[in-house]
Amino acid sequence: MENLKKERSNAKRAFTRQINIVKQKLVECDRETIVLQKDDMVNDVKTAFQAFADAHEKYHVKLTDEQLDESDEYFEKEQCQYITLLEKIKALSQQSEVEAESC
């Protein structure tokens, strides 16, 4: 059980690191660069989130009923971060595409 928890922690750490890398790019890069790197950023975040989700599920199935609510909340918080970041990438890239079309 402790090994599964550690595996989940490591996966979450990698996911958080990937989120921070992408957030930094979104702040530092111009819109053209964001559009060019959008697919790579999305794939990197998706891969890291999937690894976290897989590790979480392995851990989650071993929990007692009393622990499940807290585990669900933990996962939902990370999932919310994931969805918010993907929406931000999508919005910025679409905004850039619209600006490019109007030139």
N, C-alpha and C. Protein backbone atom coordinates (compact mmCIF):
# COMPACT_ATOMS: atom_id res chain seq x y z
N MET A 1 0.83 -1.20 0.00
CA MET A 1 0.00 0.00 0.00
C MET A 1 0.87 1.26 0.00
N GLU A 2 1.90 1.24 0.83
CA GLU A 2 2.79 2.41 0.92
C GLU A 2 3.53 2.62 -0.40
N ASN A 3 3.86 1.53 -1.07
CA ASN A 3 4.54 1.63 -2.36
C ASN A 3 3.62 2.29 -3.41
N LEU A 4 2.34 1.95 -3.37
CA LEU A 4 1.38 2.55 -4.30
C LEU A 4 1.21 4.04 -4.03
N LYS A 5 1.21 4.40 -2.76
CA LYS A 5 1.09 5.82 -2.40
C LYS A 5 2.32 6.59 -2.89
N LYS A 6 3.49 5.99 -2.75
CA LYS A 6 4.72 6.64 -3.21
C LYS A 6 4.71 6.77 -4.73
N GLU A 7 4.24 5.74 -5.41
CA GLU A 7 4.14 5.79 -6.87
C GLU A 7 3.21 6.92 -7.31
N ARG A 8 2.09 7.06 -6.60
CA ARG A 8 1.15 8.14 -6.92
C ARG A 8 1.79 9.50 -6.65
N SER A 9 2.51 9.62 -5.55
CA SER A 9 3.18 10.88 -5.22
C SER A 9 4.20 11.25 -6.29
N ASN A 10 4.95 10.28 -6.75
CA ASN A 10 5.94 10.54 -7.80
C ASN A 10 5.27 10.96 -9.10
N ALA A 11 4.16 10.32 -9.43
CA ALA A 11 3.43 10.67 -10.65
C ALA A 11 2.83 12.06 -10.53
N LYS A 12 2.33 12.40 -9.35
CA LYS A 12 1.78 13.74 -9.14
C LYS A 12 2.87 14.79 -9.23
N ARG A 13 4.03 14.48 -8.68
CA ARG A 13 5.16 15.41 -8.75
C ARG A 13 5.54 15.67 -10.21
N ALA A 14 5.59 14.62 -11.02
CA ALA A 14 5.92 14.77 -12.44
C ALA A 14 4.83 15.56 -13.17
N PHE A 15 3.58 15.32 -12.82
CA PHE A 15 2.46 16.04 -13.41
C PHE A 15 2.53 17.53 -13.05
N THR A 16 2.78 17.82 -11.78
CA THR A 16 2.89 19.21 -11.34
C THR A 16 4.05 19.91 -12.04
N ARG A 17 5.16 19.22 -12.16
CA ARG A 17 6.32 19.78 -12.86
C ARG A 17 5.96 20.12 -14.30
N GLN A 18 5.24 19.21 -14.97
CA GLN A 18 4.85 19.45 -16.36
C GLN A 18 3.88 20.62 -16.48
N ILE A 19 2.95 20.72 -15.55
CA ILE A 19 2.02 21.86 -15.54
C ILE A 19 2.80 23.16 -15.42
N ASN A 20 3.76 23.20 -14.51
CA ASN A 20 4.54 24.41 -14.30
C ASN A 20 5.38 24.77 -15.51
N ILE A 21 5.92 23.78 -16.20
CA ILE A 21 6.69 24.03 -17.42
C ILE A 21 5.78 24.68 -18.47
N VAL A 22 4.60 24.13 -18.65
CA VAL A 22 3.68 24.66 -19.65
C VAL A 22 3.19 26.06 -19.25
N LYS A 23 2.86 26.26 -17.99
CA LYS A 23 2.43 27.58 -17.54
C LYS A 23 3.52 28.62 -17.79
N GLN A 24 4.76 28.25 -17.54
CA GLN A 24 5.87 29.16 -17.78
C GLN A 24 5.97 29.51 -19.26
N LYS A 25 5.83 28.52 -20.12
CA LYS A 25 5.85 28.77 -21.56
C LYS A 25 4.73 29.72 -21.97
N LEU A 26 3.55 29.52 -21.41
CA LEU A 26 2.41 30.36 -21.76
C LEU A 26 2.64 31.81 -21.38
N VAL A 27 3.38 32.03 -20.32
CA VAL A 27 3.67 33.38 -19.86
C VAL A 27 4.83 34.00 -20.64
N GLU A 28 5.84 33.20 -20.91
CA GLU A 28 7.06 33.73 -21.53
C GLU A 28 7.02 33.82 -23.04
N CYS A 29 6.30 32.93 -23.69
CA CYS A 29 6.34 32.85 -25.15
C CYS A 29 5.31 33.76 -25.80
N ASP A 30 5.63 34.15 -27.02
CA ASP A 30 4.64 34.90 -27.78
C ASP A 30 3.58 33.95 -28.33
N ARG A 31 2.51 34.50 -28.81
CA ARG A 31 1.38 33.67 -29.25
C ARG A 31 1.74 32.75 -30.40
N GLU A 32 2.57 33.23 -31.30
CA GLU A 32 2.96 32.39 -32.44
C GLU A 32 3.68 31.13 -31.96
N THR A 33 4.55 31.30 -30.99
CA THR A 33 5.27 30.15 -30.43
C THR A 33 4.32 29.21 -29.73
N ILE A 34 3.35 29.77 -29.03
CA ILE A 34 2.35 28.93 -28.34
C ILE A 34 1.59 28.09 -29.35
N VAL A 35 1.19 28.69 -30.47
CA VAL A 35 0.46 27.95 -31.49
C VAL A 35 1.34 26.84 -32.06
N LEU A 36 2.60 27.15 -32.31
CA LEU A 36 3.51 26.15 -32.86
C LEU A 36 3.79 25.00 -31.90
N GLN A 37 3.82 25.30 -30.59
CA GLN A 37 4.14 24.29 -29.59
C GLN A 37 2.92 23.70 -28.91
N LYS A 38 1.73 24.13 -29.33
CA LYS A 38 0.49 23.71 -28.67
C LYS A 38 0.36 22.20 -28.58
N ASP A 39 0.53 21.51 -29.68
CA ASP A 39 0.36 20.05 -29.68
C ASP A 39 1.34 19.36 -28.73
N ASP A 40 2.58 19.81 -28.74
CA ASP A 40 3.57 19.23 -27.83
C ASP A 40 3.21 19.49 -26.37
N MET A 41 2.78 20.72 -26.08
CA MET A 41 2.41 21.05 -24.70
C MET A 41 1.23 20.20 -24.25
N VAL A 42 0.22 20.09 -25.09
CA VAL A 42 -0.97 19.31 -24.76
C VAL A 42 -0.59 17.84 -24.54
N ASN A 43 0.20 17.29 -25.44
CA ASN A 43 0.60 15.88 -25.31
C ASN A 43 1.41 15.63 -24.04
N ASP A 44 2.31 16.55 -23.71
CA ASP A 44 3.13 16.39 -22.51
C ASP A 44 2.27 16.41 -21.25
N VAL A 45 1.32 17.34 -21.21
CA VAL A 45 0.43 17.44 -20.04
C VAL A 45 -0.49 16.21 -19.97
N LYS A 46 -1.02 15.80 -21.11
CA LYS A 46 -1.90 14.62 -21.13
C LYS A 46 -1.17 13.37 -20.66
N THR A 47 0.06 13.18 -21.13
CA THR A 47 0.85 12.02 -20.75
C THR A 47 1.13 12.02 -19.24
N ALA A 48 1.51 13.17 -18.72
CA ALA A 48 1.79 13.27 -17.28
C ALA A 48 0.53 13.06 -16.46
N PHE A 49 -0.59 13.61 -16.92
CA PHE A 49 -1.84 13.42 -16.18
C PHE A 49 -2.28 11.96 -16.22
N GLN A 50 -2.14 11.32 -17.36
CA GLN A 50 -2.54 9.92 -17.47
C GLN A 50 -1.72 9.04 -16.54
N ALA A 51 -0.43 9.32 -16.45
CA ALA A 51 0.43 8.56 -15.53
C ALA A 51 -0.02 8.76 -14.09
N PHE A 52 -0.38 10.00 -13.75
CA PHE A 52 -0.90 10.28 -12.41
C PHE A 52 -2.23 9.57 -12.20
N ALA A 53 -3.13 9.64 -13.16
CA ALA A 53 -4.45 9.01 -13.04
C ALA A 53 -4.31 7.50 -12.86
N ASP A 54 -3.40 6.89 -13.61
CA ASP A 54 -3.18 5.44 -13.48
C ASP A 54 -2.66 5.08 -12.09
N ALA A 55 -1.67 5.84 -11.62
CA ALA A 55 -1.11 5.59 -10.30
C ALA A 55 -2.15 5.83 -9.21
N HIS A 56 -2.96 6.86 -9.40
CA HIS A 56 -4.01 7.17 -8.42
C HIS A 56 -5.02 6.02 -8.36
N GLU A 57 -5.41 5.50 -9.50
CA GLU A 57 -6.41 4.42 -9.54
C GLU A 57 -5.89 3.17 -8.84
N LYS A 58 -4.62 2.84 -9.07
CA LYS A 58 -4.03 1.68 -8.40
C LYS A 58 -4.07 1.85 -6.88
N TYR A 59 -3.79 3.04 -6.43
CA TYR A 59 -3.81 3.33 -5.00
C TYR A 59 -5.25 3.38 -4.48
N HIS A 60 -6.10 4.03 -5.23
CA HIS A 60 -7.49 4.27 -4.84
C HIS A 60 -8.25 2.97 -4.57
N VAL A 61 -8.04 1.96 -5.39
CA VAL A 61 -8.78 0.71 -5.23
C VAL A 61 -8.40 -0.04 -3.96
N LYS A 62 -7.30 0.31 -3.35
CA LYS A 62 -6.85 -0.34 -2.12
C LYS A 62 -7.34 0.37 -0.86
N LEU A 63 -8.02 1.48 -1.01
CA LEU A 63 -8.44 2.27 0.14
C LEU A 63 -9.70 1.71 0.78
N THR A 64 -9.87 2.07 2.04
CA THR A 64 -11.10 1.72 2.75
C THR A 64 -12.19 2.72 2.36
N ASP A 65 -13.42 2.38 2.68
CA ASP A 65 -14.53 3.28 2.36
C ASP A 65 -14.36 4.66 2.99
N GLU A 66 -13.79 4.70 4.18
CA GLU A 66 -13.60 5.97 4.89
C GLU A 66 -12.58 6.87 4.18
N GLN A 67 -11.68 6.28 3.45
CA GLN A 67 -10.61 7.03 2.79
C GLN A 67 -10.98 7.47 1.37
N LEU A 68 -12.05 6.91 0.84
CA LEU A 68 -12.39 7.15 -0.56
C LEU A 68 -12.76 8.59 -0.87
N ASP A 69 -13.54 9.23 0.00
CA ASP A 69 -13.95 10.62 -0.26
C ASP A 69 -12.75 11.55 -0.36
N GLU A 70 -11.82 11.40 0.57
CA GLU A 70 -10.62 12.24 0.55
C GLU A 70 -9.80 11.98 -0.72
N SER A 71 -9.71 10.72 -1.12
CA SER A 71 -8.98 10.36 -2.32
C SER A 71 -9.65 10.94 -3.57
N ASP A 72 -10.98 10.89 -3.61
CA ASP A 72 -11.72 11.46 -4.73
C ASP A 72 -11.48 12.96 -4.83
N GLU A 73 -11.53 13.65 -3.71
CA GLU A 73 -11.29 15.10 -3.70
C GLU A 73 -9.88 15.42 -4.19
N TYR A 74 -8.92 14.65 -3.74
CA TYR A 74 -7.53 14.82 -4.15
C TYR A 74 -7.40 14.71 -5.67
N PHE A 75 -8.01 13.68 -6.23
CA PHE A 75 -7.94 13.47 -7.67
C PHE A 75 -8.67 14.58 -8.42
N GLU A 76 -9.85 14.95 -7.96
CA GLU A 76 -10.64 15.97 -8.64
C GLU A 76 -9.93 17.32 -8.67
N LYS A 77 -9.19 17.63 -7.62
CA LYS A 77 -8.42 18.87 -7.59
C LYS A 77 -7.36 18.86 -8.69
N GLU A 78 -6.66 17.76 -8.84
CA GLU A 78 -5.65 17.66 -9.89
C GLU A 78 -6.28 17.64 -11.27
N GLN A 79 -7.41 16.97 -11.39
CA GLN A 79 -8.11 16.92 -12.67
C GLN A 79 -8.58 18.32 -13.08
N CYS A 80 -9.02 19.10 -12.13
CA CYS A 80 -9.45 20.46 -12.40
C CYS A 80 -8.29 21.30 -12.94
N GLN A 81 -7.11 21.16 -12.33
CA GLN A 81 -5.92 21.85 -12.82
C GLN A 81 -5.62 21.46 -14.27
N TYR A 82 -5.72 20.18 -14.53
CA TYR A 82 -5.46 19.63 -15.85
C TYR A 82 -6.41 20.24 -16.89
N ILE A 83 -7.69 20.20 -16.59
CA ILE A 83 -8.70 20.72 -17.52
C ILE A 83 -8.53 22.21 -17.73
N THR A 84 -8.29 22.95 -16.66
CA THR A 84 -8.11 24.40 -16.75
C THR A 84 -6.93 24.75 -17.64
N LEU A 85 -5.83 24.03 -17.48
CA LEU A 85 -4.65 24.31 -18.29
C LEU A 85 -4.91 23.99 -19.76
N LEU A 86 -5.54 22.86 -20.04
CA LEU A 86 -5.85 22.53 -21.44
C LEU A 86 -6.78 23.57 -22.07
N GLU A 87 -7.75 24.05 -21.30
CA GLU A 87 -8.64 25.09 -21.80
C GLU A 87 -7.88 26.38 -22.10
N LYS A 88 -6.92 26.70 -21.24
CA LYS A 88 -6.12 27.92 -21.44
C LYS A 88 -5.27 27.81 -22.70
N ILE A 89 -4.64 26.66 -22.89
CA ILE A 89 -3.84 26.45 -24.10
C ILE A 89 -4.72 26.58 -25.34
N LYS A 90 -5.88 25.95 -25.29
CA LYS A 90 -6.80 25.98 -26.42
C LYS A 90 -7.26 27.41 -26.71
N ALA A 91 -7.62 28.14 -25.68
CA ALA A 91 -8.10 29.52 -25.85
C ALA A 91 -7.01 30.41 -26.44
N LEU A 92 -5.79 30.30 -25.93
CA LEU A 92 -4.70 31.12 -26.44
C LEU A 92 -4.37 30.79 -27.88
N SER A 93 -4.37 29.51 -28.22
CA SER A 93 -4.04 29.14 -29.59
C SER A 93 -5.16 29.55 -30.56
N GLN A 94 -6.41 29.42 -30.13
CA GLN A 94 -7.52 29.85 -30.99
C GLN A 94 -7.52 31.36 -31.17
N GLN A 95 -7.22 32.07 -30.12
CA GLN A 95 -7.14 33.53 -30.18
C GLN A 95 -6.05 33.95 -31.17
N SER A 96 -4.94 33.26 -31.13
CA SER A 96 -3.84 33.56 -32.05
C SER A 96 -4.21 33.24 -33.49
N GLU A 97 -4.93 32.15 -33.69
CA GLU A 97 -5.35 31.78 -35.05
C GLU A 97 -6.32 32.81 -35.61
N VAL A 98 -7.22 33.32 -34.78
CA VAL A 98 -8.18 34.34 -35.23
C VAL A 98 -7.44 35.61 -35.59
N GLU A 99 -6.46 36.00 -34.76
CA GLU A 99 -5.68 37.21 -35.04
C GLU A 99 -4.89 37.05 -36.34
N ALA A 100 -4.37 35.88 -36.60
CA ALA A 100 -3.60 35.63 -37.81
C ALA A 100 -4.50 35.71 -39.04
N GLU A 101 -5.73 35.22 -38.93
CA GLU A 101 -6.66 35.26 -40.05
C GLU A 101 -7.09 36.69 -40.39
N SER A 102 -7.13 37.56 -39.39
CA SER A 102 -7.60 38.92 -39.61
C SER A 102 -6.51 39.84 -40.17
N CYS A 103 -5.29 39.36 -40.26
CA CYS A 103 -4.18 40.19 -40.78
C CYS A 103 -4.17 40.22 -42.28
